[in-house]
């Protein structure tokens, strides 16, 4: 064989091998899962959703494709949860609604997390909180895979609040709260008047004066969604914004144990990363708020004690809806010891 023909054969061979490898890498997936999120595309939660999808694709050699739908593209978190029960949406990184079982508000009780050392201890896999939330979700046909820790929660307003650290003073602000007793009771204990407004309508409600502030938002969520309308941010750390990585039990049952492991590990990696990044994200987005012209108010842990106590005073009122057994167990397991 001449050198020219040998060279040509080698080139053709490399082309064939490359084509086969590329074809294998980009072959149509065997499984496609819809992954619903409620956060904007530039939000840390959505970024980690994309990292989960990438890790799962790589570890399954492209057999499993996860399509990420941020910004409530598949509906708000209440609708998404209902569709996961039905099996028409496979996964989500969203709030967990309580209309199907009020006890699911457990993860959002205000006042029991003081800082990120508490977060690492309480929200890790196989802790009391994780196992209890998984148990409650599975009763409805949804499995908890992990928590996305977004950050500590404050209150954003379009006008100044009166004495924000004094729970005994009417704040003079009507704030939107999520449709959950844990937020409504705690906000009112802190001195705010409250109104419930769907997540997707909050921006317009602040613009039109339907409400004058928001409760239940982390710094990142408030900045990415509401930076054009908020004027003040009170970083009172009275609660933790925690989204839930969940999967439909109908979807989960269709997956092999090996594929379940791939997805569970990817979520575990993202969940751990969210905890490590949460504090830095709080600082990052507060600075971005300042750059936007929002007045940011921060406080020492000692200054925040009255707010935490006001939130804790509402816990017994949750027994009617969430059962005395669950609240008593919660207080035993998670109430601050000091």
C-alpha atoms as a PDB file:
ATOM      1  CA  UNK A   1       0.000   0.000   0.000  1.00  0.00           C
ATOM      2  CA  UNK A   2       1.352   3.438  -0.877  1.00  0.00           C
ATOM      3  CA  UNK A   3       1.924   6.051   1.796  1.00  0.00           C
ATOM      4  CA  UNK A   4      -0.923   8.149   0.333  1.00  0.00           C
ATOM      5  CA  UNK A   5      -3.422   5.300   0.520  1.00  0.00           C
ATOM      6  CA  UNK A   6      -2.257   4.379   4.035  1.00  0.00           C
ATOM      7  CA  UNK A   7      -2.724   7.993   5.166  1.00  0.00           C
ATOM      8  CA  UNK A   8      -6.180   8.091   3.593  1.00  0.00           C
ATOM      9  CA  UNK A   9      -7.137   4.848   5.345  1.00  0.00           C
ATOM     10  CA  UNK A  10      -6.002   6.202   8.676  1.00  0.00           C
ATOM     11  CA  UNK A  11      -7.983   9.401   8.180  1.00  0.00           C
ATOM     12  CA  UNK A  12     -11.113   7.458   7.213  1.00  0.00           C
ATOM     13  CA  UNK A  13     -10.619   5.204  10.224  1.00  0.00           C
ATOM     14  CA  UNK A  14     -10.345   8.135  12.599  1.00  0.00           C
ATOM     15  CA  UNK A  15     -13.465   9.714  11.079  1.00  0.00           C
ATOM     16  CA  UNK A  16     -15.442   6.492  11.523  1.00  0.00           C
ATOM     17  CA  UNK A  17     -14.316   6.059  15.133  1.00  0.00           C
ATOM     18  CA  UNK A  18     -15.050   9.694  15.956  1.00  0.00           C
ATOM     19  CA  UNK A  19     -18.461   9.449  14.321  1.00  0.00           C
ATOM     20  CA  UNK A  20     -19.313   6.319  16.293  1.00  0.00           C
ATOM     21  CA  UNK A  21     -18.135   7.921  19.527  1.00  0.00           C
ATOM     22  CA  UNK A  22     -20.073  11.110  18.840  1.00  0.00           C
ATOM     23  CA  UNK A  23     -23.131   9.084  17.930  1.00  0.00           C
ATOM     24  CA  UNK A  24     -22.884   7.199  21.203  1.00  0.00           C
ATOM     25  CA  UNK A  25     -22.380  10.406  23.185  1.00  0.00           C
ATOM     26  CA  UNK A  26     -25.356  12.144  21.600  1.00  0.00           C
ATOM     27  CA  UNK A  27     -27.653   9.165  21.189  1.00  0.00           C
ATOM     28  CA  UNK A  28     -31.280   9.733  22.094  1.00  0.00           C
ATOM     29  CA  UNK A  29     -31.789   9.226  25.839  1.00  0.00           C
ATOM     30  CA  UNK A  30     -33.745   6.232  27.083  1.00  0.00           C
ATOM     31  CA  UNK A  31     -35.357   8.233  29.888  1.00  0.00           C
ATOM     32  CA  UNK A  32     -36.388  11.900  29.904  1.00  0.00           C
ATOM     33  CA  UNK A  33     -37.453  13.493  33.192  1.00  0.00           C
ATOM     34  CA  UNK A  34     -39.145  16.856  33.652  1.00  0.00           C
ATOM     35  CA  UNK A  35     -37.510  18.829  36.496  1.00  0.00           C
ATOM     36  CA  UNK A  36     -39.652  21.787  37.628  1.00  0.00           C
ATOM     37  CA  UNK A  37     -38.314  24.808  39.481  1.00  0.00           C
ATOM     38  CA  UNK A  38     -39.829  28.023  40.782  1.00  0.00           C
ATOM     39  CA  UNK A  39     -36.711  30.205  40.779  1.00  0.00           C
ATOM     40  CA  UNK A  40     -35.469  32.461  37.945  1.00  0.00           C
ATOM     41  CA  UNK A  41     -32.831  31.206  35.515  1.00  0.00           C
ATOM     42  CA  UNK A  42     -30.057  33.198  37.205  1.00  0.00           C
ATOM     43  CA  UNK A  43     -30.950  32.009  40.710  1.00  0.00           C
ATOM     44  CA  UNK A  44     -28.597  29.628  42.605  1.00  0.00           C
ATOM     45  CA  UNK A  45     -31.357  27.008  42.841  1.00  0.00           C
ATOM     46  CA  UNK A  46     -31.695  26.837  39.066  1.00  0.00           C
ATOM     47  CA  UNK A  47     -27.929  26.701  38.618  1.00  0.00           C
ATOM     48  CA  UNK A  48     -27.771  23.632  40.865  1.00  0.00           C
ATOM     49  CA  UNK A  49     -30.725  22.047  39.053  1.00  0.00           C
ATOM     50  CA  UNK A  50     -28.656  22.315  35.876  1.00  0.00           C
ATOM     51  CA  UNK A  51     -25.662  20.772  37.668  1.00  0.00           C
ATOM     52  CA  UNK A  52     -27.834  17.828  38.754  1.00  0.00           C
ATOM     53  CA  UNK A  53     -29.011  17.320  35.182  1.00  0.00           C
ATOM     54  CA  UNK A  54     -25.422  17.425  33.905  1.00  0.00           C
ATOM     55  CA  UNK A  55     -24.115  14.972  36.519  1.00  0.00           C
ATOM     56  CA  UNK A  56     -26.943  12.513  35.874  1.00  0.00           C
ATOM     57  CA  UNK A  57     -26.381  12.678  32.115  1.00  0.00           C
ATOM     58  CA  UNK A  58     -22.650  12.054  32.528  1.00  0.00           C
ATOM     59  CA  UNK A  59     -22.975   9.200  35.010  1.00  0.00           C
ATOM     60  CA  UNK A  60     -25.692   7.482  32.983  1.00  0.00           C
ATOM     61  CA  UNK A  61     -23.744   7.939  29.727  1.00  0.00           C
ATOM     62  CA  UNK A  62     -26.612   9.966  28.329  1.00  0.00           C
ATOM     63  CA  UNK A  63     -29.301   7.359  29.059  1.00  0.00           C
ATOM     64  CA  UNK A  64     -31.080   9.721  31.467  1.00  0.00           C
ATOM     65  CA  UNK A  65     -31.933  13.217  30.315  1.00  0.00           C
ATOM     66  CA  UNK A  66     -33.261  15.708  32.841  1.00  0.00           C
ATOM     67  CA  UNK A  67     -34.951  18.749  31.334  1.00  0.00           C
ATOM     68  CA  UNK A  68     -34.908  21.756  33.664  1.00  0.00           C
ATOM     69  CA  UNK A  69     -37.900  24.113  33.671  1.00  0.00           C
ATOM     70  CA  UNK A  70     -37.156  27.168  35.878  1.00  0.00           C
ATOM     71  CA  UNK A  71     -39.278  30.186  36.797  1.00  0.00           C
ATOM     72  CA  UNK A  72     -42.512  28.228  37.368  1.00  0.00           C
ATOM     73  CA  UNK A  73     -42.720  27.337  33.654  1.00  0.00           C
ATOM     74  CA  UNK A  74     -44.670  24.190  34.567  1.00  0.00           C
ATOM     75  CA  UNK A  75     -46.883  25.997  37.083  1.00  0.00           C
ATOM     76  CA  UNK A  76     -46.496  27.280  40.630  1.00  0.00           C
ATOM     77  CA  UNK A  77     -45.215  24.973  43.339  1.00  0.00           C
ATOM     78  CA  UNK A  78     -48.710  23.892  44.421  1.00  0.00           C
ATOM     79  CA  UNK A  79     -49.621  22.768  40.899  1.00  0.00           C
ATOM     80  CA  UNK A  80     -46.223  21.125  40.389  1.00  0.00           C
ATOM     81  CA  UNK A  81     -46.654  19.094  43.568  1.00  0.00           C
ATOM     82  CA  UNK A  82     -50.105  17.945  42.459  1.00  0.00           C
ATOM     83  CA  UNK A  83     -48.697  16.883  39.105  1.00  0.00           C
ATOM     84  CA  UNK A  84     -45.906  14.941  40.826  1.00  0.00           C
ATOM     85  CA  UNK A  85     -48.533  13.048  42.796  1.00  0.00           C
ATOM     86  CA  UNK A  86     -50.123  12.159  39.449  1.00  0.00           C
ATOM     87  CA  UNK A  87     -46.766  11.364  37.878  1.00  0.00           C
ATOM     88  CA  UNK A  88     -47.044  13.910  35.043  1.00  0.00           C
ATOM     89  CA  UNK A  89     -44.085  15.935  36.399  1.00  0.00           C
ATOM     90  CA  UNK A  90     -41.121  13.847  37.484  1.00  0.00           C
ATOM     91  CA  UNK A  91     -39.003  16.037  39.755  1.00  0.00           C
ATOM     92  CA  UNK A  92     -38.985  19.449  41.365  1.00  0.00           C
ATOM     93  CA  UNK A  93     -36.860  21.904  43.294  1.00  0.00           C
ATOM     94  CA  UNK A  94     -39.665  23.918  44.846  1.00  0.00           C
ATOM     95  CA  UNK A  95     -41.415  24.836  48.028  1.00  0.00           C
ATOM     96  CA  UNK A  96     -43.584  22.046  49.371  1.00  0.00           C
ATOM     97  CA  UNK A  97     -47.264  23.043  49.667  1.00  0.00           C
ATOM     98  CA  UNK A  98     -49.416  22.227  52.651  1.00  0.00           C
ATOM     99  CA  UNK A  99     -52.895  21.981  51.165  1.00  0.00           C
ATOM    100  CA  UNK A 100     -52.600  18.194  50.915  1.00  0.00           C
ATOM    101  CA  UNK A 101     -51.228  17.783  54.443  1.00  0.00           C
ATOM    102  CA  UNK A 102     -50.724  20.770  56.815  1.00  0.00           C
ATOM    103  CA  UNK A 103     -47.944  18.867  58.563  1.00  0.00           C
ATOM    104  CA  UNK A 104     -45.709  19.544  55.550  1.00  0.00           C
ATOM    105  CA  UNK A 105     -45.313  23.080  56.894  1.00  0.00           C
ATOM    106  CA  UNK A 106     -42.947  21.494  59.412  1.00  0.00           C
ATOM    107  CA  UNK A 107     -39.887  22.403  57.357  1.00  0.00           C
ATOM    108  CA  UNK A 108     -40.935  26.083  57.336  1.00  0.00           C
ATOM    109  CA  UNK A 109     -41.593  26.619  61.043  1.00  0.00           C
ATOM    110  CA  UNK A 110     -40.042  29.941  62.006  1.00  0.00           C
ATOM    111  CA  UNK A 111     -37.518  30.542  64.750  1.00  0.00           C
ATOM    112  CA  UNK A 112     -35.685  27.241  65.282  1.00  0.00           C
ATOM    113  CA  UNK A 113     -32.632  27.870  63.073  1.00  0.00           C
ATOM    114  CA  UNK A 114     -30.267  30.575  64.315  1.00  0.00           C
ATOM    115  CA  UNK A 115     -27.427  30.229  61.819  1.00  0.00           C
ATOM    116  CA  UNK A 116     -25.560  27.990  59.429  1.00  0.00           C
ATOM    117  CA  UNK A 117     -24.084  25.706  62.071  1.00  0.00           C
ATOM    118  CA  UNK A 118     -27.689  24.767  62.888  1.00  0.00           C
ATOM    119  CA  UNK A 119     -28.422  24.306  59.190  1.00  0.00           C
ATOM    120  CA  UNK A 120     -25.605  21.787  58.665  1.00  0.00           C
ATOM    121  CA  UNK A 121     -26.765  19.769  61.653  1.00  0.00           C
ATOM    122  CA  UNK A 122     -30.542  19.882  61.118  1.00  0.00           C
ATOM    123  CA  UNK A 123     -30.895  19.629  57.329  1.00  0.00           C
ATOM    124  CA  UNK A 124     -28.392  16.854  56.622  1.00  0.00           C
ATOM    125  CA  UNK A 125     -29.635  13.542  55.136  1.00  0.00           C
ATOM    126  CA  UNK A 126     -31.098  10.994  57.566  1.00  0.00           C
ATOM    127  CA  UNK A 127     -31.688  13.519  60.331  1.00  0.00           C
ATOM    128  CA  UNK A 128     -34.995  13.732  62.203  1.00  0.00           C
ATOM    129  CA  UNK A 129     -36.264  16.560  59.974  1.00  0.00           C
ATOM    130  CA  UNK A 130     -35.262  14.841  56.718  1.00  0.00           C
ATOM    131  CA  UNK A 131     -36.811  11.520  57.684  1.00  0.00           C
ATOM    132  CA  UNK A 132     -40.019  13.095  58.975  1.00  0.00           C
ATOM    133  CA  UNK A 133     -40.487  15.180  55.822  1.00  0.00           C
ATOM    134  CA  UNK A 134     -39.785  12.150  53.625  1.00  0.00           C
ATOM    135  CA  UNK A 135     -42.353  10.146  55.560  1.00  0.00           C
ATOM    136  CA  UNK A 136     -45.023  12.847  55.182  1.00  0.00           C
ATOM    137  CA  UNK A 137     -44.307  13.314  51.467  1.00  0.00           C
ATOM    138  CA  UNK A 138     -44.350   9.600  50.696  1.00  0.00           C
ATOM    139  CA  UNK A 139     -47.831   9.309  52.174  1.00  0.00           C
ATOM    140  CA  UNK A 140     -48.922  11.506  49.261  1.00  0.00           C
ATOM    141  CA  UNK A 141     -46.890   9.812  46.536  1.00  0.00           C
ATOM    142  CA  UNK A 142     -43.844  12.092  46.495  1.00  0.00           C
ATOM    143  CA  UNK A 143     -40.324  11.238  47.690  1.00  0.00           C
ATOM    144  CA  UNK A 144     -37.962  13.728  49.291  1.00  0.00           C
ATOM    145  CA  UNK A 145     -34.446  13.526  47.841  1.00  0.00           C
ATOM    146  CA  UNK A 146     -32.836  16.450  49.630  1.00  0.00           C
ATOM    147  CA  UNK A 147     -32.991  20.115  50.573  1.00  0.00           C
ATOM    148  CA  UNK A 148     -31.789  23.130  48.641  1.00  0.00           C
ATOM    149  CA  UNK A 149     -30.695  25.605  51.300  1.00  0.00           C
ATOM    150  CA  UNK A 150     -31.236  28.999  49.785  1.00  0.00           C
ATOM    151  CA  UNK A 151     -30.387  31.209  52.717  1.00  0.00           C
ATOM    152  CA  UNK A 152     -31.694  32.946  55.793  1.00  0.00           C
ATOM    153  CA  UNK A 153     -34.930  34.887  55.455  1.00  0.00           C
ATOM    154  CA  UNK A 154     -35.644  38.559  56.006  1.00  0.00           C
ATOM    155  CA  UNK A 155     -38.429  40.964  55.139  1.00  0.00           C
ATOM    156  CA  UNK A 156     -38.466  43.263  52.117  1.00  0.00           C
ATOM    157  CA  UNK A 157     -40.619  46.391  51.975  1.00  0.00           C
ATOM    158  CA  UNK A 158     -41.399  49.343  49.738  1.00  0.00           C
ATOM    159  CA  UNK A 159     -41.491  51.708  52.731  1.00  0.00           C
ATOM    160  CA  UNK A 160     -39.759  51.790  56.140  1.00  0.00           C
ATOM    161  CA  UNK A 161     -41.039  49.449  58.855  1.00  0.00           C
ATOM    162  CA  UNK A 162     -41.599  50.841  62.342  1.00  0.00           C
ATOM    163  CA  UNK A 163     -39.075  49.513  64.904  1.00  0.00           C
ATOM    164  CA  UNK A 164     -38.347  46.274  63.000  1.00  0.00           C
ATOM    165  CA  UNK A 165     -36.759  44.542  66.020  1.00  0.00           C
ATOM    166  CA  UNK A 166     -39.611  45.239  68.445  1.00  0.00           C
ATOM    167  CA  UNK A 167     -42.379  42.613  68.072  1.00  0.00           C
ATOM    168  CA  UNK A 168     -44.731  44.703  70.208  1.00  0.00           C
ATOM    169  CA  UNK A 169     -44.852  47.585  67.737  1.00  0.00           C
ATOM    170  CA  UNK A 170     -47.153  47.669  64.703  1.00  0.00           C
ATOM    171  CA  UNK A 171     -44.781  47.828  61.742  1.00  0.00           C
ATOM    172  CA  UNK A 172     -47.214  49.881  59.645  1.00  0.00           C
ATOM    173  CA  UNK A 173     -46.624  47.574  56.673  1.00  0.00           C
ATOM    174  CA  UNK A 174     -48.953  45.087  54.985  1.00  0.00           C
ATOM    175  CA  UNK A 175     -46.780  42.189  53.859  1.00  0.00           C
ATOM    176  CA  UNK A 176     -47.421  39.232  51.629  1.00  0.00           C
ATOM    177  CA  UNK A 177     -46.933  35.884  53.329  1.00  0.00           C
ATOM    178  CA  UNK A 178     -46.968  32.380  51.823  1.00  0.00           C
ATOM    179  CA  UNK A 179     -50.236  30.500  52.251  1.00  0.00           C
ATOM    180  CA  UNK A 180     -48.987  28.730  55.383  1.00  0.00           C
ATOM    181  CA  UNK A 181     -49.853  29.273  59.044  1.00  0.00           C
ATOM    182  CA  UNK A 182     -46.192  29.088  60.066  1.00  0.00           C
ATOM    183  CA  UNK A 183     -45.442  32.299  58.141  1.00  0.00           C
ATOM    184  CA  UNK A 184     -48.699  34.119  58.850  1.00  0.00           C
ATOM    185  CA  UNK A 185     -48.551  33.557  62.615  1.00  0.00           C
ATOM    186  CA  UNK A 186     -44.864  34.443  62.880  1.00  0.00           C
ATOM    187  CA  UNK A 187     -45.191  37.605  60.759  1.00  0.00           C
ATOM    188  CA  UNK A 188     -48.105  38.811  62.861  1.00  0.00           C
ATOM    189  CA  UNK A 189     -46.174  37.980  66.044  1.00  0.00           C
ATOM    190  CA  UNK A 190     -43.400  40.247  64.730  1.00  0.00           C
ATOM    191  CA  UNK A 191     -45.872  43.105  64.281  1.00  0.00           C
ATOM    192  CA  UNK A 192     -46.836  42.949  60.590  1.00  0.00           C
ATOM    193  CA  UNK A 193     -50.266  42.877  59.003  1.00  0.00           C
ATOM    194  CA  UNK A 194     -50.488  40.067  56.456  1.00  0.00           C
ATOM    195  CA  UNK A 195     -52.128  39.103  53.196  1.00  0.00           C
ATOM    196  CA  UNK A 196     -51.729  35.892  51.178  1.00  0.00           C
ATOM    197  CA  UNK A 197     -50.806  36.374  47.514  1.00  0.00           C
ATOM    198  CA  UNK A 198     -49.674  33.717  45.000  1.00  0.00           C
ATOM    199  CA  UNK A 199     -45.914  33.597  44.421  1.00  0.00           C
ATOM    200  CA  UNK A 200     -46.264  34.567  40.755  1.00  0.00           C
ATOM    201  CA  UNK A 201     -48.297  37.717  41.589  1.00  0.00           C
ATOM    202  CA  UNK A 202     -46.021  39.216  44.230  1.00  0.00           C
ATOM    203  CA  UNK A 203     -44.088  41.580  41.942  1.00  0.00           C
ATOM    204  CA  UNK A 204     -47.220  43.141  40.471  1.00  0.00           C
ATOM    205  CA  UNK A 205     -48.833  43.333  43.922  1.00  0.00           C
ATOM    206  CA  UNK A 206     -45.895  45.364  45.229  1.00  0.00           C
ATOM    207  CA  UNK A 207     -46.061  47.622  42.184  1.00  0.00           C
ATOM    208  CA  UNK A 208     -49.779  48.294  42.515  1.00  0.00           C
ATOM    209  CA  UNK A 209     -49.920  48.606  46.305  1.00  0.00           C
ATOM    210  CA  UNK A 210     -51.889  45.428  46.970  1.00  0.00           C
ATOM    211  CA  UNK A 211     -49.130  44.719  49.496  1.00  0.00           C
ATOM    212  CA  UNK A 212     -46.246  46.800  50.845  1.00  0.00           C
ATOM    213  CA  UNK A 213     -43.707  44.112  51.609  1.00  0.00           C
ATOM    214  CA  UNK A 214     -42.840  40.433  51.428  1.00  0.00           C
ATOM    215  CA  UNK A 215     -42.187  37.718  53.956  1.00  0.00           C
ATOM    216  CA  UNK A 216     -40.835  34.232  53.274  1.00  0.00           C
ATOM    217  CA  UNK A 217     -38.171  35.304  50.758  1.00  0.00           C
ATOM    218  CA  UNK A 218     -34.457  34.688  51.018  1.00  0.00           C
ATOM    219  CA  UNK A 219     -32.047  37.420  49.948  1.00  0.00           C
ATOM    220  CA  UNK A 220     -31.321  35.695  46.634  1.00  0.00           C
ATOM    221  CA  UNK A 221     -35.014  35.250  45.804  1.00  0.00           C
ATOM    222  CA  UNK A 222     -35.884  38.808  46.810  1.00  0.00           C
ATOM    223  CA  UNK A 223     -33.056  40.223  44.700  1.00  0.00           C
ATOM    224  CA  UNK A 224     -33.570  38.112  41.588  1.00  0.00           C
ATOM    225  CA  UNK A 225     -37.352  38.554  41.579  1.00  0.00           C
ATOM    226  CA  UNK A 226     -38.102  41.880  43.268  1.00  0.00           C
ATOM    227  CA  UNK A 227     -35.039  44.110  43.048  1.00  0.00           C
ATOM    228  CA  UNK A 228     -36.842  46.706  40.904  1.00  0.00           C
ATOM    229  CA  UNK A 229     -39.588  47.345  43.465  1.00  0.00           C
ATOM    230  CA  UNK A 230     -38.104  46.816  46.954  1.00  0.00           C
ATOM    231  CA  UNK A 231     -36.725  49.813  48.866  1.00  0.00           C
ATOM    232  CA  UNK A 232     -35.775  48.192  52.193  1.00  0.00           C
ATOM    233  CA  UNK A 233     -34.449  44.796  53.251  1.00  0.00           C
ATOM    234  CA  UNK A 234     -34.482  43.770  56.927  1.00  0.00           C
ATOM    235  CA  UNK A 235     -32.132  40.808  57.457  1.00  0.00           C
ATOM    236  CA  UNK A 236     -33.817  39.419  60.563  1.00  0.00           C
ATOM    237  CA  UNK A 237     -32.876  35.738  60.044  1.00  0.00           C
ATOM    238  CA  UNK A 238     -36.168  34.579  61.585  1.00  0.00           C
ATOM    239  CA  UNK A 239     -36.362  31.560  59.311  1.00  0.00           C
ATOM    240  CA  UNK A 240     -34.568  29.646  56.607  1.00  0.00           C
ATOM    241  CA  UNK A 241     -35.614  29.458  52.988  1.00  0.00           C
ATOM    242  CA  UNK A 242     -35.437  25.852  52.032  1.00  0.00           C
ATOM    243  CA  UNK A 243     -36.621  24.394  48.762  1.00  0.00           C
ATOM    244  CA  UNK A 244     -37.171  20.669  48.415  1.00  0.00           C
ATOM    245  CA  UNK A 245     -35.669  18.298  45.866  1.00  0.00           C
ATOM    246  CA  UNK A 246     -38.543  15.899  45.255  1.00  0.00           C
ATOM    247  CA  UNK A 247     -39.448  13.127  42.845  1.00  0.00           C
ATOM    248  CA  UNK A 248     -42.757  11.539  41.953  1.00  0.00           C
ATOM    249  CA  UNK A 249     -43.048   8.074  43.500  1.00  0.00           C
ATOM    250  CA  UNK A 250     -44.544   6.909  40.195  1.00  0.00           C
ATOM    251  CA  UNK A 251     -41.400   8.058  38.386  1.00  0.00           C
ATOM    252  CA  UNK A 252     -39.121   6.645  41.096  1.00  0.00           C
ATOM    253  CA  UNK A 253     -40.739   3.216  40.854  1.00  0.00           C
ATOM    254  CA  UNK A 254     -39.982   3.057  37.117  1.00  0.00           C
ATOM    255  CA  UNK A 255     -36.251   3.608  37.630  1.00  0.00           C
ATOM    256  CA  UNK A 256     -33.764   0.814  38.229  1.00  0.00           C
ATOM    257  CA  UNK A 257     -31.927   0.823  41.582  1.00  0.00           C
ATOM    258  CA  UNK A 258     -28.786   1.862  39.705  1.00  0.00           C
ATOM    259  CA  UNK A 259     -30.515   4.872  38.147  1.00  0.00           C
ATOM    260  CA  UNK A 260     -32.126   5.795  41.457  1.00  0.00           C
ATOM    261  CA  UNK A 261     -28.646   5.839  42.976  1.00  0.00           C
ATOM    262  CA  UNK A 262     -27.279   8.091  40.213  1.00  0.00           C
ATOM    263  CA  UNK A 263     -30.059  10.641  40.731  1.00  0.00           C
ATOM    264  CA  UNK A 264     -29.939  10.465  44.538  1.00  0.00           C
ATOM    265  CA  UNK A 265     -26.175  11.033  44.567  1.00  0.00           C
ATOM    266  CA  UNK A 266     -26.416  14.007  42.198  1.00  0.00           C
ATOM    267  CA  UNK A 267     -29.061  15.598  44.410  1.00  0.00           C
ATOM    268  CA  UNK A 268     -27.000  14.898  47.545  1.00  0.00           C
ATOM    269  CA  UNK A 269     -24.024  16.667  45.982  1.00  0.00           C
ATOM    270  CA  UNK A 270     -26.175  19.679  45.061  1.00  0.00           C
ATOM    271  CA  UNK A 271     -27.786  19.784  48.499  1.00  0.00           C
ATOM    272  CA  UNK A 272     -24.430  19.780  50.303  1.00  0.00           C
ATOM    273  CA  UNK A 273     -23.121  22.450  47.940  1.00  0.00           C
ATOM    274  CA  UNK A 274     -26.147  24.647  48.634  1.00  0.00           C
ATOM    275  CA  UNK A 275     -25.416  24.604  52.367  1.00  0.00           C
ATOM    276  CA  UNK A 276     -21.782  25.540  51.784  1.00  0.00           C
ATOM    277  CA  UNK A 277     -22.742  28.390  49.463  1.00  0.00           C
ATOM    278  CA  UNK A 278     -25.776  29.762  51.307  1.00  0.00           C
ATOM    279  CA  UNK A 279     -24.002  32.139  53.705  1.00  0.00           C
ATOM    280  CA  UNK A 280     -21.812  33.542  50.935  1.00  0.00           C
ATOM    281  CA  UNK A 281     -24.909  33.965  48.755  1.00  0.00           C
ATOM    282  CA  UNK A 282     -26.624  35.923  51.535  1.00  0.00           C
ATOM    283  CA  UNK A 283     -23.712  38.366  51.592  1.00  0.00           C
ATOM    284  CA  UNK A 284     -23.446  38.460  47.805  1.00  0.00           C
ATOM    285  CA  UNK A 285     -27.095  39.294  47.222  1.00  0.00           C
ATOM    286  CA  UNK A 286     -27.252  41.842  50.039  1.00  0.00           C
ATOM    287  CA  UNK A 287     -24.395  43.668  48.348  1.00  0.00           C
ATOM    288  CA  UNK A 288     -26.197  43.459  45.023  1.00  0.00           C
ATOM    289  CA  UNK A 289     -29.241  44.930  46.758  1.00  0.00           C
ATOM    290  CA  UNK A 290     -27.126  47.830  48.024  1.00  0.00           C
ATOM    291  CA  UNK A 291     -25.762  48.335  44.516  1.00  0.00           C
ATOM    292  CA  UNK A 292     -29.375  48.416  43.293  1.00  0.00           C
ATOM    293  CA  UNK A 293     -30.207  51.192  45.762  1.00  0.00           C
ATOM    294  CA  UNK A 294     -32.086  49.045  48.280  1.00  0.00           C
ATOM    295  CA  UNK A 295     -31.411  50.011  51.908  1.00  0.00           C
ATOM    296  CA  UNK A 296     -30.160  46.868  53.676  1.00  0.00           C
ATOM    297  CA  UNK A 297     -30.529  46.594  57.469  1.00  0.00           C
ATOM    298  CA  UNK A 298     -28.405  43.968  59.260  1.00  0.00           C
ATOM    299  CA  UNK A 299     -28.269  43.056  62.961  1.00  0.00           C
ATOM    300  CA  UNK A 300     -26.219  41.146  65.523  1.00  0.00           C
ATOM    301  CA  UNK A 301     -27.466  37.792  66.895  1.00  0.00           C
ATOM    302  CA  UNK A 302     -28.189  39.493  70.229  1.00  0.00           C
ATOM    303  CA  UNK A 303     -30.379  42.129  68.577  1.00  0.00           C
ATOM    304  CA  UNK A 304     -32.419  39.394  66.890  1.00  0.00           C
ATOM    305  CA  UNK A 305     -33.365  37.528  70.081  1.00  0.00           C
ATOM    306  CA  UNK A 306     -36.776  39.276  70.459  1.00  0.00           C
ATOM    307  CA  UNK A 307     -37.703  38.287  66.890  1.00  0.00           C
ATOM    308  CA  UNK A 308     -36.742  34.638  67.473  1.00  0.00           C
ATOM    309  CA  UNK A 309     -38.736  34.547  70.712  1.00  0.00           C
ATOM    310  CA  UNK A 310     -41.768  36.067  68.981  1.00  0.00           C
ATOM    311  CA  UNK A 311     -41.628  33.326  66.340  1.00  0.00           C
ATOM    312  CA  UNK A 312     -41.219  30.589  68.953  1.00  0.00           C
ATOM    313  CA  UNK A 313     -44.278  31.882  70.806  1.00  0.00           C
ATOM    314  CA  UNK A 314     -46.424  30.774  67.849  1.00  0.00           C
ATOM    315  CA  UNK A 315     -45.401  27.094  67.946  1.00  0.00           C
ATOM    316  CA  UNK A 316     -48.189  25.922  70.278  1.00  0.00           C
ATOM    317  CA  UNK A 317     -50.742  27.547  67.929  1.00  0.00           C
ATOM    318  CA  UNK A 318     -49.626  25.147  65.184  1.00  0.00           C
ATOM    319  CA  UNK A 319     -50.935  22.110  67.055  1.00  0.00           C
ATOM    320  CA  UNK A 320     -54.497  22.517  65.816  1.00  0.00           C
ATOM    321  CA  UNK A 321     -53.476  22.099  62.184  1.00  0.00           C
ATOM    322  CA  UNK A 322     -50.265  20.111  62.417  1.00  0.00           C
ATOM    323  CA  UNK A 323     -51.318  17.817  65.303  1.00  0.00           C
ATOM    324  CA  UNK A 324     -50.102  18.043  68.921  1.00  0.00           C
ATOM    325  CA  UNK A 325     -47.994  14.904  68.415  1.00  0.00           C
ATOM    326  CA  UNK A 326     -45.922  16.395  65.605  1.00  0.00           C
ATOM    327  CA  UNK A 327     -45.389  19.778  67.271  1.00  0.00           C
ATOM    328  CA  UNK A 328     -44.447  18.178  70.583  1.00  0.00           C
ATOM    329  CA  UNK A 329     -41.940  15.982  68.734  1.00  0.00           C
ATOM    330  CA  UNK A 330     -40.625  19.009  66.827  1.00  0.00           C
ATOM    331  CA  UNK A 331     -40.099  20.961  70.043  1.00  0.00           C
ATOM    332  CA  UNK A 332     -38.347  17.991  71.644  1.00  0.00           C
ATOM    333  CA  UNK A 333     -36.027  17.477  68.660  1.00  0.00           C
ATOM    334  CA  UNK A 334     -35.392  20.988  67.322  1.00  0.00           C
ATOM    335  CA  UNK A 335     -36.238  23.726  69.811  1.00  0.00           C
ATOM    336  CA  UNK A 336     -33.074  25.650  70.748  1.00  0.00           C
ATOM    337  CA  UNK A 337     -31.700  24.362  74.055  1.00  0.00           C
ATOM    338  CA  UNK A 338     -30.393  27.732  75.208  1.00  0.00           C
END
